[in-house]
Protein backbone atom coordinates (compact mmCIF):
# COMPACT_ATOMS: atom_id res chain seq x y z
CA MET A 1 -93.21 -132.36 87.59
CA ASN A 2 -92.73 -129.65 85.22
CA SER A 3 -95.69 -129.51 82.82
CA LYS A 4 -93.86 -128.81 79.77
CA SER A 5 -92.62 -131.54 77.20
CA ALA A 6 -89.28 -132.34 76.74
CA ILE A 7 -89.57 -130.66 73.30
CA GLY A 8 -90.87 -127.38 74.74
CA ARG A 9 -88.04 -127.31 77.51
CA PHE A 10 -85.40 -127.83 74.52
CA PHE A 11 -86.84 -125.10 72.51
CA SER A 12 -87.07 -122.67 75.62
CA PHE A 13 -83.52 -123.65 76.00
CA ILE A 14 -82.39 -122.70 72.75
CA GLY A 15 -84.41 -119.52 72.98
CA ASP A 16 -82.38 -118.76 76.53
CA VAL A 17 -79.41 -119.27 74.62
CA ARG A 18 -80.03 -117.07 71.72
CA SER A 19 -81.21 -114.30 74.13
CA GLU A 20 -77.71 -114.62 76.26
CA MET A 21 -75.92 -114.61 73.36
CA ASP A 22 -77.22 -111.44 72.00
CA ARG A 23 -75.82 -109.96 75.26
CA VAL A 24 -72.00 -111.16 74.65
CA THR A 25 -69.30 -108.58 73.95
CA TRP A 26 -67.39 -110.04 71.38
CA PRO A 27 -64.03 -108.71 71.00
CA SER A 28 -62.57 -107.09 67.74
CA ARG A 29 -60.36 -108.78 65.35
CA GLY A 30 -57.59 -106.40 66.39
CA GLU A 31 -57.93 -107.28 69.93
CA VAL A 32 -57.63 -111.18 69.34
CA VAL A 33 -54.49 -110.62 66.58
CA VAL A 34 -52.78 -108.65 69.53
CA THR A 35 -53.70 -111.09 72.40
CA THR A 36 -53.03 -114.27 70.19
CA ILE A 37 -49.40 -112.60 69.77
CA VAL A 38 -48.87 -111.99 73.47
CA VAL A 39 -49.82 -115.57 74.29
CA PHE A 40 -47.29 -116.92 71.43
CA LEU A 41 -44.60 -114.39 72.77
CA ILE A 42 -44.89 -115.75 76.38
CA ALA A 43 -45.04 -119.23 75.34
CA LEU A 44 -41.67 -118.72 73.50
CA ILE A 45 -40.26 -116.96 76.55
CA ALA A 46 -41.36 -119.69 78.69
CA SER A 47 -39.83 -122.54 76.17
CA LEU A 48 -36.86 -120.82 76.30
CA PHE A 49 -36.60 -120.21 80.07
CA PHE A 50 -37.38 -123.81 80.83
CA ALA A 51 -34.75 -125.08 78.37
CA LEU A 52 -31.98 -122.86 79.85
CA VAL A 53 -32.91 -124.05 83.13
CA ASP A 54 -32.99 -127.88 81.91
CA THR A 55 -29.58 -127.41 80.21
CA ALA A 56 -28.26 -125.60 83.43
CA TRP A 57 -29.20 -128.96 85.70
CA TYR A 58 -28.19 -131.34 83.12
CA ARG A 59 -24.65 -129.60 83.47
CA ILE A 60 -24.66 -129.25 87.09
CA ILE A 61 -26.02 -132.90 87.59
CA HIS A 62 -23.21 -134.28 85.48
CA ALA A 63 -20.59 -132.20 86.90
CA ILE A 64 -21.74 -133.83 90.47
CA ILE A 65 -21.79 -137.42 89.38
CA GLY A 66 -18.90 -137.01 86.80
CA GLY A 67 -20.95 -138.40 83.85
């Protein structure tokens, strides 16, 4: 059994977290903006692609079953 109290372990954990956060390399504002724009563009392209595929399948199925 660990001899530290729960409160002591908690504060030790918080100290470890702060130490690790100091080592993190954060992206610049510009990198975040560019990455966000890329994500939105890919989402837009994917949504347009799936909308076109869905429309094509809808028309094909309705042409086959005569709906």
